[in-house]
């Protein structure tokens, strides 16, 4: 029930209320925030401790009270030096309140859990507040990761904290980190002003246009194949394509990582290898995206290699078949997938004129091995 708090270090009255000998009615009153004589910070600490009470009714009451503290108690508590565990609990309930977040961030004992919560759930304004304390970001790199992956955080803020990580030699666990870091090294990052930049507004416009497009990759692609077998951009995608082209490389990488299917299917074809690779590694990628990408013959070898090395995508029979039939798929990866095909598809590959001669030969060898085993 201590939540990692040393109860013996708390005021005697707090110890009496949360101790095992305290009568249930007293605990129930305290769980509701009725604790005469205690300072607001101690009242909130009592309520936090009672969320872990053995009596489920008391615990539930305390949770409800903590989530909606009366303003006098909350404001008074925010001026106190709260226990780390109490800050963690408040961070979950008040992550959307910029005023509360600002005061909690000033507390000397704020820890990783609260910082991660704020970063993960931050609005644009709160994301800017969390990102200003560079020392804490460097102490807790996971906070940088969560800020970067939060779509509501400004593009300029994401660039700035990524640059901070790269400059200090941090290795972050975000998709396409190496690509993003390489882009940042070649890009001048503007100083923080606290106000949205032109790049932020441009990124917001890209996001708005992308969200308005109803593209289902299971049904259609961003491109269509003309009579000469070349891909051309669909008419309705031109506005999004034009705005994406205006983004910097690092901004394209973030849109490729966190954007919509339409953005991924456009950016995976980007001439910059860093951008295309980031799109292929996006955690937002779904099977329909991967199927479309593996089918396209205008996609780079690097991207097809990433798809072929992803176990989740190669569980899909259609994606395996697409990769093998795509002449741009590196031969090593295509041949590894052939043994996983149905016999009728292997026979078709052995005769197909739409695959490379090497894949034809590998398919014939696979058929030969199967025929030998049957004998």
Protein backbone atom coordinates (compact mmCIF):
# COMPACT_ATOMS: atom_id res chain seq x y z
CA UNK A 1 0.00 0.00 0.00
CA UNK A 2 3.03 2.32 0.27
CA UNK A 3 3.45 2.84 -3.51
CA UNK A 4 7.19 3.03 -2.86
CA UNK A 5 6.71 5.88 -0.40
CA UNK A 6 8.48 5.79 2.96
CA UNK A 7 5.42 6.31 5.15
CA UNK A 8 7.58 6.64 8.27
CA UNK A 9 9.00 9.89 6.86
CA UNK A 10 5.53 11.44 6.52
CA UNK A 11 3.81 13.59 9.21
CA UNK A 12 2.34 11.58 12.13
CA UNK A 13 -1.23 12.48 11.20
CA UNK A 14 -0.72 11.06 7.71
CA UNK A 15 0.70 7.86 9.21
CA UNK A 16 -2.34 7.50 11.46
CA UNK A 17 -4.78 7.84 8.57
CA UNK A 18 -3.11 5.39 6.23
CA UNK A 19 -1.93 2.96 8.90
CA UNK A 20 -3.58 -0.47 9.38
CA UNK A 21 -5.17 0.58 12.69
CA UNK A 22 -7.08 3.52 11.18
CA UNK A 23 -10.86 2.96 11.20
CA UNK A 24 -12.43 2.44 7.74
CA UNK A 25 -14.80 5.45 8.08
CA UNK A 26 -11.79 7.72 8.66
CA UNK A 27 -10.06 6.27 5.61
CA UNK A 28 -13.18 6.67 3.50
CA UNK A 29 -13.45 10.34 4.49
CA UNK A 30 -9.77 10.85 3.70
CA UNK A 31 -10.19 9.10 0.34
CA UNK A 32 -12.80 11.75 -0.45
CA UNK A 33 -10.34 14.53 0.38
CA UNK A 34 -11.77 15.35 3.82
CA UNK A 35 -8.69 15.51 6.07
CA UNK A 36 -8.93 18.47 8.47
CA UNK A 37 -5.68 19.99 9.65
CA UNK A 38 -3.43 18.70 6.88
CA UNK A 39 -1.62 20.80 4.29
CA UNK A 40 -2.79 20.31 0.67
CA UNK A 41 0.38 18.43 -0.27
CA UNK A 42 -0.15 15.97 2.57
CA UNK A 43 -3.85 15.60 1.71
CA UNK A 44 -2.95 14.61 -1.85
CA UNK A 45 -0.31 12.21 -0.54
CA UNK A 46 -2.92 10.56 1.73
CA UNK A 47 -5.36 10.21 -1.18
CA UNK A 48 -2.63 8.75 -3.39
CA UNK A 49 -1.69 6.20 -0.73
CA UNK A 50 -5.34 5.21 -0.26
CA UNK A 51 -5.67 4.35 -3.97
CA UNK A 52 -3.81 1.19 -2.98
CA UNK A 53 -5.95 0.47 0.10
CA UNK A 54 -6.95 -3.12 0.82
CA UNK A 55 -10.61 -2.12 0.86
CA UNK A 56 -11.63 -1.79 -2.81
CA UNK A 57 -14.33 0.79 -2.00
CA UNK A 58 -11.80 3.06 -0.31
CA UNK A 59 -9.31 2.55 -3.13
CA UNK A 60 -11.91 3.40 -5.80
CA UNK A 61 -13.05 6.47 -3.90
CA UNK A 62 -9.46 7.69 -3.62
CA UNK A 63 -8.86 7.18 -7.36
CA UNK A 64 -11.96 9.19 -8.20
CA UNK A 65 -10.95 12.01 -5.85
CA UNK A 66 -7.37 12.12 -7.14
CA UNK A 67 -8.63 12.45 -10.72
CA UNK A 68 -10.81 15.44 -9.81
CA UNK A 69 -9.16 17.21 -6.92
CA UNK A 70 -10.85 20.40 -5.66
CA UNK A 71 -8.89 23.42 -7.01
CA UNK A 72 -7.78 24.68 -3.56
CA UNK A 73 -6.27 21.28 -2.69
CA UNK A 74 -4.72 20.75 -6.13
CA UNK A 75 -3.23 24.23 -6.37
CA UNK A 76 -1.88 24.02 -2.83
CA UNK A 77 -0.34 20.62 -3.50
CA UNK A 78 1.35 21.90 -6.66
CA UNK A 79 3.31 24.36 -4.51
CA UNK A 80 4.62 21.54 -2.31
CA UNK A 81 7.53 19.14 -2.80
CA UNK A 82 5.53 16.01 -3.59
CA UNK A 83 6.73 12.41 -3.43
CA UNK A 84 7.84 10.99 -6.82
CA UNK A 85 5.09 8.34 -6.71
CA UNK A 86 2.46 11.02 -6.08
CA UNK A 87 3.76 13.06 -9.02
CA UNK A 88 3.53 9.93 -11.18
CA UNK A 89 -0.10 9.44 -10.24
CA UNK A 90 -1.00 13.07 -10.84
CA UNK A 91 0.72 12.95 -14.22
CA UNK A 92 -1.71 10.30 -15.38
CA UNK A 93 -4.78 12.29 -14.34
CA UNK A 94 -3.66 15.79 -15.35
CA UNK A 95 -1.44 15.23 -18.41
CA UNK A 96 -3.75 17.42 -20.50
CA UNK A 97 -3.72 20.40 -18.14
CA UNK A 98 -0.85 22.70 -19.17
CA UNK A 99 -0.97 24.65 -15.90
CA UNK A 100 -0.67 21.49 -13.77
CA UNK A 101 1.99 19.99 -16.03
CA UNK A 102 4.08 23.16 -15.87
CA UNK A 103 4.07 23.11 -12.05
CA UNK A 104 4.75 19.37 -11.83
CA UNK A 105 7.70 19.74 -14.20
CA UNK A 106 9.26 22.23 -11.77
CA UNK A 107 9.24 19.72 -8.93
CA UNK A 108 12.76 18.59 -8.05
CA UNK A 109 11.74 14.96 -7.51
CA UNK A 110 9.82 14.41 -10.73
CA UNK A 111 10.87 11.12 -12.28
CA UNK A 112 10.94 9.18 -15.52
CA UNK A 113 7.40 7.81 -15.28
CA UNK A 114 5.76 11.24 -15.07
CA UNK A 115 7.99 12.69 -17.78
CA UNK A 116 7.17 9.81 -20.13
CA UNK A 117 3.46 10.21 -19.43
CA UNK A 118 3.59 13.92 -20.25
CA UNK A 119 5.59 13.28 -23.42
CA UNK A 120 3.33 10.51 -24.64
CA UNK A 121 0.08 12.38 -24.02
CA UNK A 122 1.29 15.92 -24.66
CA UNK A 123 -0.66 18.48 -26.61
CA UNK A 124 1.36 20.80 -28.84
CA UNK A 125 1.78 23.32 -26.00
CA UNK A 126 2.67 20.74 -23.36
CA UNK A 127 5.12 19.05 -25.73
CA UNK A 128 6.93 22.37 -26.03
CA UNK A 129 7.05 22.68 -22.23
CA UNK A 130 8.47 19.17 -21.73
CA UNK A 131 11.05 19.71 -24.47
CA UNK A 132 12.53 22.84 -22.88
CA UNK A 133 14.38 20.99 -20.09
CA UNK A 134 17.28 19.53 -22.05
CA UNK A 135 19.04 18.15 -18.97
CA UNK A 136 16.07 15.95 -18.10
CA UNK A 137 15.71 14.84 -21.71
CA UNK A 138 19.34 13.72 -21.75
CA UNK A 139 18.89 11.91 -18.42
CA UNK A 140 15.81 10.11 -19.75
CA UNK A 141 16.17 9.47 -23.52
CA UNK A 142 12.86 7.59 -23.56
CA UNK A 143 11.16 10.96 -23.02
CA UNK A 144 12.71 12.17 -26.30
CA UNK A 145 11.44 9.02 -27.99
CA UNK A 146 7.89 9.54 -26.78
CA UNK A 147 7.88 13.21 -27.71
CA UNK A 148 9.14 12.43 -31.21
CA UNK A 149 6.50 9.72 -31.72
CA UNK A 150 3.69 11.96 -30.46
CA UNK A 151 1.92 13.31 -33.55
CA UNK A 152 0.73 16.38 -31.65
CA UNK A 153 4.27 17.60 -30.94
CA UNK A 154 5.44 20.29 -33.35
CA UNK A 155 7.70 19.31 -36.21
CA UNK A 156 10.26 21.94 -35.16
CA UNK A 157 10.23 20.58 -31.60
CA UNK A 158 10.73 17.01 -32.86
CA UNK A 159 13.68 18.15 -34.99
CA UNK A 160 15.20 20.06 -32.09
CA UNK A 161 15.08 17.22 -29.56
CA UNK A 162 16.35 14.76 -32.14
CA UNK A 163 19.25 17.10 -32.85
CA UNK A 164 19.90 17.25 -29.09
CA UNK A 165 20.09 13.45 -28.95
CA UNK A 166 22.37 13.22 -31.99
CA UNK A 167 24.67 15.98 -30.69
CA UNK A 168 25.05 14.14 -27.38
CA UNK A 169 25.63 10.72 -28.93
CA UNK A 170 22.36 9.12 -27.79
CA UNK A 171 20.96 6.08 -29.59
CA UNK A 172 17.18 6.30 -29.61
CA UNK A 173 14.72 3.45 -30.05
CA UNK A 174 12.56 5.10 -32.68
CA UNK A 175 11.87 3.73 -36.16
CA UNK A 176 14.41 4.87 -38.75
CA UNK A 177 16.55 6.59 -36.10
CA UNK A 178 19.72 6.19 -38.15
CA UNK A 179 18.05 7.77 -41.15
CA UNK A 180 16.63 10.62 -39.09
CA UNK A 181 19.98 11.21 -37.36
CA UNK A 182 21.78 11.33 -40.70
CA UNK A 183 19.27 13.89 -42.00
CA UNK A 184 19.61 16.01 -38.85
CA UNK A 185 23.42 16.11 -39.17
CA UNK A 186 23.07 17.69 -42.59
CA UNK A 187 20.39 20.15 -41.54
CA UNK A 188 20.51 23.42 -39.62
CA UNK A 189 17.98 23.31 -36.78
CA UNK A 190 16.43 26.68 -35.87
CA UNK A 191 16.59 27.95 -32.31
CA UNK A 192 13.52 27.41 -30.13
CA UNK A 193 11.21 30.41 -30.07
CA UNK A 194 8.19 28.91 -28.36
CA UNK A 195 6.11 29.82 -31.40
CA UNK A 196 5.13 27.69 -34.41
CA UNK A 197 7.57 28.11 -37.32
CA UNK A 198 6.86 28.14 -41.04
CA UNK A 199 7.94 24.49 -41.09
CA UNK A 200 5.41 23.68 -38.36
CA UNK A 201 2.62 25.31 -40.34
CA UNK A 202 3.71 23.48 -43.48
CA UNK A 203 3.72 20.16 -41.62
CA UNK A 204 0.24 20.88 -40.26
CA UNK A 205 -0.98 21.59 -43.79
CA UNK A 206 0.51 18.31 -45.01
CA UNK A 207 -1.24 16.48 -42.18
CA UNK A 208 -4.56 18.17 -42.95
CA UNK A 209 -4.41 17.32 -46.66
CA UNK A 210 -3.38 13.73 -45.91
CA UNK A 211 -6.20 13.20 -43.43
CA UNK A 212 -8.74 14.45 -45.99
CA UNK A 213 -7.69 11.83 -48.53
CA UNK A 214 -9.63 8.60 -48.25
CA UNK A 215 -7.04 6.17 -49.59
CA UNK A 216 -7.47 2.47 -48.84
CA UNK A 217 -4.22 0.70 -49.82
CA UNK A 218 -6.11 -2.58 -49.97
CA UNK A 219 -8.02 -1.16 -52.93
CA UNK A 220 -5.79 1.48 -54.55
CA UNK A 221 -2.30 2.93 -54.63
CA UNK A 222 -1.10 6.52 -54.82
CA UNK A 223 0.15 5.69 -58.34
CA UNK A 224 -1.25 3.96 -61.39
CA UNK A 225 0.57 2.18 -64.22
CA UNK A 226 0.33 3.71 -67.69
CA UNK A 227 0.32 1.88 -71.03
CA UNK A 228 4.12 1.79 -71.07
CA UNK A 229 4.26 0.13 -67.68
CA UNK A 230 5.46 3.27 -65.88
CA UNK A 231 3.94 4.50 -62.65
CA UNK A 232 2.31 7.90 -62.62
CA UNK A 233 0.81 9.83 -59.73
CA UNK A 234 -2.96 9.78 -59.40
CA UNK A 235 -4.54 13.18 -59.94
CA UNK A 236 -6.11 13.45 -56.46
CA UNK A 237 -2.71 12.89 -54.81
CA UNK A 238 -0.96 15.83 -56.48
CA UNK A 239 -1.73 18.43 -53.75
CA UNK A 240 -0.31 16.15 -51.04
CA UNK A 241 2.69 15.23 -53.18
CA UNK A 242 3.45 18.90 -53.80
CA UNK A 243 3.34 19.83 -50.11
CA UNK A 244 5.44 16.82 -49.06
CA UNK A 245 8.06 17.93 -51.56
CA UNK A 246 8.43 21.22 -49.65
CA UNK A 247 9.41 19.49 -46.40
CA UNK A 248 13.01 19.06 -45.30
CA UNK A 249 14.46 15.56 -45.26
CA UNK A 250 14.08 15.18 -41.48
CA UNK A 251 10.48 16.38 -41.69
CA UNK A 252 9.73 13.92 -44.48
CA UNK A 253 11.18 11.15 -42.34
CA UNK A 254 8.86 12.03 -39.45
CA UNK A 255 5.82 12.19 -41.76
CA UNK A 256 6.91 8.86 -43.28
CA UNK A 257 7.10 7.41 -39.78
CA UNK A 258 3.87 8.79 -38.30
CA UNK A 259 1.75 9.80 -41.28
CA UNK A 260 -1.11 8.21 -43.17
CA UNK A 261 -1.00 5.37 -45.69
CA UNK A 262 -1.10 7.92 -48.52
CA UNK A 263 1.98 9.69 -47.12
CA UNK A 264 3.86 6.40 -46.70
CA UNK A 265 3.05 5.23 -50.23
CA UNK A 266 4.28 8.55 -51.60
CA UNK A 267 7.38 8.88 -49.42
CA UNK A 268 8.46 5.26 -49.89
CA UNK A 269 9.09 6.32 -53.51
CA UNK A 270 11.11 9.39 -52.50
CA UNK A 271 14.43 9.75 -54.29
CA UNK A 272 16.15 10.24 -50.93
CA UNK A 273 17.06 6.80 -49.58
CA UNK A 274 16.74 7.98 -45.98
CA UNK A 275 13.13 9.03 -46.51
CA UNK A 276 12.14 5.91 -48.46
CA UNK A 277 13.70 3.61 -45.85
CA UNK A 278 11.94 5.47 -43.02
CA UNK A 279 8.58 4.93 -44.73
CA UNK A 280 9.28 1.21 -45.01
CA UNK A 281 10.12 1.02 -41.30
CA UNK A 282 7.09 2.96 -40.07
CA UNK A 283 5.32 1.41 -37.05
CA UNK A 284 2.09 2.66 -38.63
CA UNK A 285 2.62 0.41 -41.65
CA UNK A 286 -0.14 -2.15 -42.16
CA UNK A 287 -0.32 -5.26 -44.32
CA UNK A 288 -2.11 -3.44 -47.13
CA UNK A 289 0.67 -0.82 -47.25
CA UNK A 290 3.35 -3.52 -47.34
CA UNK A 291 1.50 -5.42 -50.06
CA UNK A 292 1.26 -2.29 -52.23
CA UNK A 293 4.93 -1.48 -51.71
CA UNK A 294 6.12 -5.01 -52.48
CA UNK A 295 4.05 -5.01 -55.68
CA UNK A 296 5.50 -1.79 -57.12
CA UNK A 297 8.34 -2.13 -59.60
CA UNK A 298 9.41 1.47 -59.06
CA UNK A 299 10.37 0.87 -55.42
CA UNK A 300 14.06 0.80 -54.52
CA UNK A 301 15.97 -2.35 -53.58
CA UNK A 302 16.63 -0.88 -50.13
CA UNK A 303 12.91 -0.65 -49.40
CA UNK A 304 12.14 -4.12 -50.74
CA UNK A 305 14.99 -5.50 -48.63
CA UNK A 306 13.44 -3.94 -45.51
CA UNK A 307 10.05 -5.47 -46.34
CA UNK A 308 11.63 -8.87 -47.05
CA UNK A 309 13.48 -8.83 -43.70
CA UNK A 310 10.33 -8.04 -41.72
CA UNK A 311 8.92 -11.31 -40.36
CA UNK A 312 5.52 -9.80 -39.76
CA UNK A 313 5.08 -8.89 -43.42
CA UNK A 314 6.55 -12.08 -44.86
CA UNK A 315 3.95 -14.09 -42.97
CA UNK A 316 1.57 -12.79 -45.63
CA UNK A 317 1.47 -15.13 -48.61
CA UNK A 318 0.62 -12.29 -51.00
CA UNK A 319 3.58 -10.19 -49.86
CA UNK A 320 5.93 -13.17 -50.26
CA UNK A 321 4.63 -13.73 -53.79
CA UNK A 322 4.87 -10.01 -54.63
CA UNK A 323 8.49 -9.85 -53.46
CA UNK A 324 9.51 -12.89 -55.48
CA UNK A 325 7.81 -11.59 -58.62
CA UNK A 326 9.25 -8.08 -58.23
CA UNK A 327 12.47 -7.87 -60.31
CA UNK A 328 13.83 -5.19 -57.96
CA UNK A 329 13.81 -7.51 -54.92
CA UNK A 330 17.40 -8.57 -54.17
CA UNK A 331 17.83 -12.12 -55.48
CA UNK A 332 19.06 -13.48 -52.13
CA UNK A 333 15.78 -12.54 -50.45
CA UNK A 334 13.59 -13.68 -53.33
CA UNK A 335 15.12 -17.16 -53.36
CA UNK A 336 14.67 -17.57 -49.60
CA UNK A 337 10.94 -17.10 -50.04
CA UNK A 338 10.40 -19.48 -52.96
CA UNK A 339 10.30 -22.66 -50.77
CA UNK A 340 7.34 -21.14 -48.91
CA UNK A 341 5.16 -20.91 -52.03
CA UNK A 342 2.47 -23.33 -53.13
CA UNK A 343 3.50 -25.80 -55.83
CA UNK A 344 1.25 -24.24 -58.48
CA UNK A 345 2.81 -20.80 -57.89
CA UNK A 346 6.33 -22.24 -58.09
CA UNK A 347 5.47 -23.87 -61.45
CA UNK A 348 4.05 -20.58 -62.70
CA UNK A 349 7.25 -18.76 -61.69
CA UNK A 350 9.38 -21.30 -63.52
CA UNK A 351 7.56 -20.40 -66.77
CA UNK A 352 6.86 -16.72 -66.17
CA UNK A 353 8.39 -14.07 -68.42
CA UNK A 354 7.63 -11.36 -65.87
CA UNK A 355 10.32 -12.45 -63.40
CA UNK A 356 14.10 -12.48 -63.71
CA UNK A 357 15.89 -15.46 -65.23
CA UNK A 358 17.50 -16.11 -61.84
CA UNK A 359 14.11 -16.43 -60.14
CA UNK A 360 12.90 -18.72 -62.93
CA UNK A 361 15.92 -20.92 -62.39
CA UNK A 362 15.45 -20.95 -58.61
CA UNK A 363 11.80 -21.96 -59.08
CA UNK A 364 12.82 -24.81 -61.39
CA UNK A 365 15.37 -25.99 -58.84
CA UNK A 366 12.71 -25.92 -56.12
CA UNK A 367 10.41 -28.05 -58.28
CA UNK A 368 13.24 -30.47 -58.95
CA UNK A 369 14.00 -30.84 -55.23
CA UNK A 370 10.36 -31.57 -54.47
CA UNK A 371 10.13 -34.13 -57.27
CA UNK A 372 13.28 -35.85 -55.96
CA UNK A 373 11.82 -36.12 -52.45
CA UNK A 374 8.65 -37.70 -53.84
CA UNK A 375 10.70 -40.45 -55.44
